Amino acid sequence: MKTLFFSLLMIISVALFAQNDLNIGDKVPGFEAFADDGSTWKMKDFVGEKYLVVYFYPAAMTGGCTAQACAYRDLSSDLESQDALVVGVSGDNVEGLKFFKKAHNLNFTLLSDETGKIAQLFGVPTRDGGTFKSEFNGQAFELERNITTSRWTFILDKEGKVVYKNDEVNAQKDTEEVLEFLKNNT
């Protein structure tokens, strides 16, 4: 009896998780979030304009996340030539995102998903957040985040449908893989 109950519980859990998992061809429900400048960023303002690269990263100012963000910064003109707009999403608060953007001269929008609602919408796993203390250019800082997202990347077409999904992102290669996809499939 316990085995049957456990099996049913597992099936229900998997079914509930799968309902939130976006896959290729799925239309993304509109979402909005606070951007690194404190403004409200709305997906609906960009659908129909460009391809939208939505990448989730665990935490601002950490090694892999910084490498990934800087690669998006460095290849921004190549991405723009493919008619793509990049937005990074993490559980960091707005103040942390603002610091991250300024510290690394990032040239794209970062979104604060402190509650994990955007991650949940895309099916991106999350875990507890925390506080990150370090030093940058001789300045001590402390960044807080409510949740930590897994590193996943999506590309939405101009209709807001998922055309690319990577749930096993390599932080150093992500931007190049996104750019290659855009060059070959758009």
C-alpha atoms as a PDB file:
ATOM      1  CA  MET A   1       0.000   0.000   0.000  1.00  0.00           C
ATOM      2  CA  LYS A   2       2.857   2.390   0.837  1.00  0.00           C
ATOM      3  CA  THR A   3       4.472   1.633  -2.510  1.00  0.00           C
ATOM      4  CA  LEU A   4       1.243   2.415  -4.376  1.00  0.00           C
ATOM      5  CA  PHE A   5       0.813   5.681  -2.458  1.00  0.00           C
ATOM      6  CA  PHE A   6       4.438   6.667  -3.113  1.00  0.00           C
ATOM      7  CA  SER A   7       4.115   5.822  -6.827  1.00  0.00           C
ATOM      8  CA  LEU A   8       0.954   7.911  -7.161  1.00  0.00           C
ATOM      9  CA  LEU A   9       2.602  10.791  -5.336  1.00  0.00           C
ATOM     10  CA  MET A  10       5.591  10.659  -7.693  1.00  0.00           C
ATOM     11  CA  ILE A  11       3.359  10.575 -10.796  1.00  0.00           C
ATOM     12  CA  ILE A  12       1.368  13.566  -9.568  1.00  0.00           C
ATOM     13  CA  SER A  13       4.558  15.493  -8.732  1.00  0.00           C
ATOM     14  CA  VAL A  14       6.052  14.831 -12.156  1.00  0.00           C
ATOM     15  CA  ALA A  15       2.781  15.808 -13.855  1.00  0.00           C
ATOM     16  CA  LEU A  16       2.594  19.071 -11.919  1.00  0.00           C
ATOM     17  CA  PHE A  17       6.208  19.931 -12.716  1.00  0.00           C
ATOM     18  CA  ALA A  18       5.747  19.083 -16.395  1.00  0.00           C
ATOM     19  CA  GLN A  19       2.818  21.484 -16.639  1.00  0.00           C
ATOM     20  CA  ASN A  20       5.175  24.380 -15.914  1.00  0.00           C
ATOM     21  CA  ASP A  21       7.974  23.193 -18.172  1.00  0.00           C
ATOM     22  CA  LEU A  22       8.154  25.179 -21.426  1.00  0.00           C
ATOM     23  CA  ASN A  23       9.347  23.294 -24.476  1.00  0.00           C
ATOM     24  CA  ILE A  24      10.109  24.040 -28.115  1.00  0.00           C
ATOM     25  CA  GLY A  25       6.967  25.368 -29.804  1.00  0.00           C
ATOM     26  CA  ASP A  26       5.254  26.497 -26.583  1.00  0.00           C
ATOM     27  CA  LYS A  27       4.032  30.064 -26.415  1.00  0.00           C
ATOM     28  CA  VAL A  28       5.379  31.871 -23.366  1.00  0.00           C
ATOM     29  CA  PRO A  29       2.739  33.588 -21.265  1.00  0.00           C
ATOM     30  CA  GLY A  30       3.624  37.246 -20.828  1.00  0.00           C
ATOM     31  CA  PHE A  31       5.581  38.141 -17.724  1.00  0.00           C
ATOM     32  CA  GLU A  32       7.015  41.233 -16.135  1.00  0.00           C
ATOM     33  CA  ALA A  33       9.692  41.932 -13.559  1.00  0.00           C
ATOM     34  CA  PHE A  34      11.760  44.700 -12.063  1.00  0.00           C
ATOM     35  CA  ALA A  35      14.813  45.484 -14.187  1.00  0.00           C
ATOM     36  CA  ASP A  36      18.263  46.430 -12.923  1.00  0.00           C
ATOM     37  CA  ASP A  37      17.348  50.128 -13.191  1.00  0.00           C
ATOM     38  CA  GLY A  38      14.232  49.693 -11.033  1.00  0.00           C
ATOM     39  CA  SER A  39      11.787  50.019 -13.936  1.00  0.00           C
ATOM     40  CA  THR A  40       9.158  47.412 -14.766  1.00  0.00           C
ATOM     41  CA  TRP A  41      10.185  45.299 -17.760  1.00  0.00           C
ATOM     42  CA  LYS A  42       7.285  43.711 -19.675  1.00  0.00           C
ATOM     43  CA  MET A  43       7.695  40.881 -22.158  1.00  0.00           C
ATOM     44  CA  LYS A  44       4.741  42.161 -24.187  1.00  0.00           C
ATOM     45  CA  ASP A  45       6.746  45.289 -25.053  1.00  0.00           C
ATOM     46  CA  PHE A  46       9.293  43.173 -26.940  1.00  0.00           C
ATOM     47  CA  VAL A  47       7.297  40.335 -28.525  1.00  0.00           C
ATOM     48  CA  GLY A  48       6.942  41.019 -32.239  1.00  0.00           C
ATOM     49  CA  GLU A  49      10.041  43.211 -32.281  1.00  0.00           C
ATOM     50  CA  LYS A  50      13.001  40.849 -31.962  1.00  0.00           C
ATOM     51  CA  TYR A  51      14.036  37.355 -30.961  1.00  0.00           C
ATOM     52  CA  LEU A  52      14.270  37.310 -27.200  1.00  0.00           C
ATOM     53  CA  VAL A  53      17.121  35.448 -25.511  1.00  0.00           C
ATOM     54  CA  VAL A  54      16.076  34.756 -21.917  1.00  0.00           C
ATOM     55  CA  TYR A  55      18.885  33.284 -19.885  1.00  0.00           C
ATOM     56  CA  PHE A  56      18.611  32.260 -16.243  1.00  0.00           C
ATOM     57  CA  TYR A  57      21.721  32.355 -14.089  1.00  0.00           C
ATOM     58  CA  PRO A  58      22.305  31.461 -10.427  1.00  0.00           C
ATOM     59  CA  ALA A  59      23.882  34.579  -8.883  1.00  0.00           C
ATOM     60  CA  ALA A  60      25.385  37.923  -9.827  1.00  0.00           C
ATOM     61  CA  MET A  61      29.127  38.474  -9.315  1.00  0.00           C
ATOM     62  CA  THR A  62      30.051  34.775  -9.170  1.00  0.00           C
ATOM     63  CA  GLY A  63      32.589  33.247 -11.553  1.00  0.00           C
ATOM     64  CA  GLY A  64      30.436  31.370 -14.058  1.00  0.00           C
ATOM     65  CA  CYS A  65      27.667  33.970 -14.048  1.00  0.00           C
ATOM     66  CA  THR A  66      30.147  36.779 -14.649  1.00  0.00           C
ATOM     67  CA  ALA A  67      31.797  34.879 -17.523  1.00  0.00           C
ATOM     68  CA  GLN A  68      28.392  34.190 -19.089  1.00  0.00           C
ATOM     69  CA  ALA A  69      27.204  37.803 -18.725  1.00  0.00           C
ATOM     70  CA  CYS A  70      30.455  39.215 -20.103  1.00  0.00           C
ATOM     71  CA  ALA A  71      30.227  36.923 -23.135  1.00  0.00           C
ATOM     72  CA  TYR A  72      26.727  38.248 -23.850  1.00  0.00           C
ATOM     73  CA  ARG A  73      28.138  41.773 -23.447  1.00  0.00           C
ATOM     74  CA  ASP A  74      31.092  41.114 -25.740  1.00  0.00           C
ATOM     75  CA  LEU A  75      28.995  39.511 -28.495  1.00  0.00           C
ATOM     76  CA  SER A  76      26.124  41.993 -28.277  1.00  0.00           C
ATOM     77  CA  SER A  77      26.680  43.439 -31.762  1.00  0.00           C
ATOM     78  CA  ASP A  78      26.650  39.919 -33.253  1.00  0.00           C
ATOM     79  CA  LEU A  79      23.416  39.159 -31.403  1.00  0.00           C
ATOM     80  CA  GLU A  80      21.893  42.456 -32.542  1.00  0.00           C
ATOM     81  CA  SER A  81      22.799  41.602 -36.143  1.00  0.00           C
ATOM     82  CA  GLN A  82      20.685  38.453 -35.684  1.00  0.00           C
ATOM     83  CA  ASP A  83      17.786  40.650 -34.507  1.00  0.00           C
ATOM     84  CA  ALA A  84      18.042  39.342 -30.936  1.00  0.00           C
ATOM     85  CA  LEU A  85      17.594  41.047 -27.589  1.00  0.00           C
ATOM     86  CA  VAL A  86      19.157  39.506 -24.460  1.00  0.00           C
ATOM     87  CA  VAL A  87      17.700  39.558 -20.962  1.00  0.00           C
ATOM     88  CA  GLY A  88      19.278  37.845 -17.953  1.00  0.00           C
ATOM     89  CA  VAL A  89      17.118  36.569 -15.080  1.00  0.00           C
ATOM     90  CA  SER A  90      18.176  35.689 -11.535  1.00  0.00           C
ATOM     91  CA  GLY A  91      16.878  35.700  -7.984  1.00  0.00           C
ATOM     92  CA  ASP A  92      19.127  38.644  -7.122  1.00  0.00           C
ATOM     93  CA  ASN A  93      17.459  41.811  -5.876  1.00  0.00           C
ATOM     94  CA  VAL A  94      17.450  44.980  -8.005  1.00  0.00           C
ATOM     95  CA  GLU A  95      20.319  46.560  -6.054  1.00  0.00           C
ATOM     96  CA  GLY A  96      22.510  43.514  -6.668  1.00  0.00           C
ATOM     97  CA  LEU A  97      21.685  43.521 -10.367  1.00  0.00           C
ATOM     98  CA  LYS A  98      22.491  47.215 -10.629  1.00  0.00           C
ATOM     99  CA  PHE A  99      25.891  46.605  -8.985  1.00  0.00           C
ATOM    100  CA  PHE A 100      26.584  43.586 -11.239  1.00  0.00           C
ATOM    101  CA  LYS A 101      25.689  45.538 -14.378  1.00  0.00           C
ATOM    102  CA  LYS A 102      27.855  48.511 -13.427  1.00  0.00           C
ATOM    103  CA  ALA A 103      30.804  46.419 -12.216  1.00  0.00           C
ATOM    104  CA  HIS A 104      31.040  44.559 -15.538  1.00  0.00           C
ATOM    105  CA  ASN A 105      29.712  47.249 -17.887  1.00  0.00           C
ATOM    106  CA  LEU A 106      26.876  44.983 -19.052  1.00  0.00           C
ATOM    107  CA  ASN A 107      24.883  46.330 -21.990  1.00  0.00           C
ATOM    108  CA  PHE A 108      21.650  44.373 -21.654  1.00  0.00           C
ATOM    109  CA  THR A 109      18.794  44.167 -19.165  1.00  0.00           C
ATOM    110  CA  LEU A 110      18.936  42.066 -16.012  1.00  0.00           C
ATOM    111  CA  LEU A 111      15.661  41.058 -14.360  1.00  0.00           C
ATOM    112  CA  SER A 112      15.057  40.373 -10.682  1.00  0.00           C
ATOM    113  CA  ASP A 113      13.020  37.221 -10.068  1.00  0.00           C
ATOM    114  CA  GLU A 114      13.140  37.279  -6.272  1.00  0.00           C
ATOM    115  CA  THR A 115      10.009  35.141  -5.872  1.00  0.00           C
ATOM    116  CA  GLY A 116      10.936  32.631  -8.580  1.00  0.00           C
ATOM    117  CA  LYS A 117       7.718  33.200 -10.552  1.00  0.00           C
ATOM    118  CA  ILE A 118       9.504  33.673 -13.870  1.00  0.00           C
ATOM    119  CA  ALA A 119      11.683  30.613 -13.290  1.00  0.00           C
ATOM    120  CA  GLN A 120       8.553  28.633 -12.439  1.00  0.00           C
ATOM    121  CA  LEU A 121       6.823  29.879 -15.588  1.00  0.00           C
ATOM    122  CA  PHE A 122       9.714  28.534 -17.701  1.00  0.00           C
ATOM    123  CA  GLY A 123      10.125  25.356 -15.631  1.00  0.00           C
ATOM    124  CA  VAL A 124      13.588  26.342 -14.411  1.00  0.00           C
ATOM    125  CA  PRO A 125      14.457  24.662 -11.095  1.00  0.00           C
ATOM    126  CA  THR A 126      15.249  26.880  -8.118  1.00  0.00           C
ATOM    127  CA  ARG A 127      16.686  26.405  -4.677  1.00  0.00           C
ATOM    128  CA  ASP A 128      17.179  28.629  -1.655  1.00  0.00           C
ATOM    129  CA  GLY A 129      19.067  31.880  -2.130  1.00  0.00           C
ATOM    130  CA  GLY A 130      21.595  33.428   0.131  1.00  0.00           C
ATOM    131  CA  THR A 131      24.087  36.195   0.657  1.00  0.00           C
ATOM    132  CA  PHE A 132      27.264  36.530  -1.370  1.00  0.00           C
ATOM    133  CA  LYS A 133      30.117  38.583   0.108  1.00  0.00           C
ATOM    134  CA  SER A 134      33.195  39.488  -1.849  1.00  0.00           C
ATOM    135  CA  GLU A 135      35.377  42.332  -3.001  1.00  0.00           C
ATOM    136  CA  PHE A 136      35.488  44.002  -6.403  1.00  0.00           C
ATOM    137  CA  ASN A 137      38.027  46.686  -7.354  1.00  0.00           C
ATOM    138  CA  GLY A 138      38.895  47.141  -3.682  1.00  0.00           C
ATOM    139  CA  GLN A 139      35.261  47.630  -2.707  1.00  0.00           C
ATOM    140  CA  ALA A 140      33.603  45.149  -0.344  1.00  0.00           C
ATOM    141  CA  PHE A 141      30.063  44.191  -1.279  1.00  0.00           C
ATOM    142  CA  GLU A 142      27.264  41.938  -0.145  1.00  0.00           C
ATOM    143  CA  LEU A 143      24.584  40.720  -2.548  1.00  0.00           C
ATOM    144  CA  GLU A 144      21.374  39.032  -1.446  1.00  0.00           C
ATOM    145  CA  ARG A 145      18.997  36.822  -3.371  1.00  0.00           C
ATOM    146  CA  ASN A 146      15.863  35.025  -2.256  1.00  0.00           C
ATOM    147  CA  ILE A 147      16.268  32.136  -4.662  1.00  0.00           C
ATOM    148  CA  THR A 148      18.987  30.631  -6.800  1.00  0.00           C
ATOM    149  CA  THR A 149      17.945  29.554 -10.283  1.00  0.00           C
ATOM    150  CA  SER A 150      19.513  26.849 -12.375  1.00  0.00           C
ATOM    151  CA  ARG A 151      21.436  27.947 -15.476  1.00  0.00           C
ATOM    152  CA  TRP A 152      19.040  27.551 -18.432  1.00  0.00           C
ATOM    153  CA  THR A 153      18.699  29.499 -21.702  1.00  0.00           C
ATOM    154  CA  PHE A 154      15.702  30.008 -23.991  1.00  0.00           C
ATOM    155  CA  ILE A 155      15.186  31.811 -27.281  1.00  0.00           C
ATOM    156  CA  LEU A 156      11.701  33.097 -28.062  1.00  0.00           C
ATOM    157  CA  ASP A 157      10.719  33.913 -31.612  1.00  0.00           C
ATOM    158  CA  LYS A 158       8.960  37.135 -32.576  1.00  0.00           C
ATOM    159  CA  GLU A 159       5.603  35.535 -31.735  1.00  0.00           C
ATOM    160  CA  GLY A 160       6.736  34.638 -28.212  1.00  0.00           C
ATOM    161  CA  LYS A 161       7.167  30.913 -28.863  1.00  0.00           C
ATOM    162  CA  VAL A 162      10.114  28.883 -27.585  1.00  0.00           C
ATOM    163  CA  VAL A 163      12.416  27.986 -30.491  1.00  0.00           C
ATOM    164  CA  TYR A 164      15.471  27.049 -28.420  1.00  0.00           C
ATOM    165  CA  LYS A 165      15.877  25.549 -24.975  1.00  0.00           C
ATOM    166  CA  ASN A 166      19.072  24.519 -23.223  1.00  0.00           C
ATOM    167  CA  ASP A 167      18.774  23.096 -19.729  1.00  0.00           C
ATOM    168  CA  GLU A 168      22.433  22.017 -19.579  1.00  0.00           C
ATOM    169  CA  VAL A 169      24.109  25.357 -20.170  1.00  0.00           C
ATOM    170  CA  ASN A 170      27.877  25.722 -20.132  1.00  0.00           C
ATOM    171  CA  ALA A 171      28.408  29.298 -18.885  1.00  0.00           C
ATOM    172  CA  GLN A 172      31.485  29.885 -21.071  1.00  0.00           C
ATOM    173  CA  LYS A 173      29.886  28.527 -24.283  1.00  0.00           C
ATOM    174  CA  ASP A 174      26.277  29.693 -23.885  1.00  0.00           C
ATOM    175  CA  THR A 175      26.501  32.888 -25.928  1.00  0.00           C
ATOM    176  CA  GLU A 176      28.332  31.219 -28.805  1.00  0.00           C
ATOM    177  CA  GLU A 177      25.755  28.395 -28.900  1.00  0.00           C
ATOM    178  CA  VAL A 178      22.880  30.905 -28.887  1.00  0.00           C
ATOM    179  CA  LEU A 179      24.509  32.917 -31.661  1.00  0.00           C
ATOM    180  CA  GLU A 180      25.128  29.777 -33.730  1.00  0.00           C
ATOM    181  CA  PHE A 181      21.473  28.761 -33.344  1.00  0.00           C
ATOM    182  CA  LEU A 182      20.270  32.214 -34.404  1.00  0.00           C
ATOM    183  CA  LYS A 183      22.562  32.249 -37.456  1.00  0.00           C
ATOM    184  CA  ASN A 184      21.370  28.827 -38.597  1.00  0.00           C
ATOM    185  CA  ASN A 185      17.681  28.936 -37.702  1.00  0.00           C
ATOM    186  CA  THR A 186      16.323  32.452 -38.083  1.00  0.00           C
END
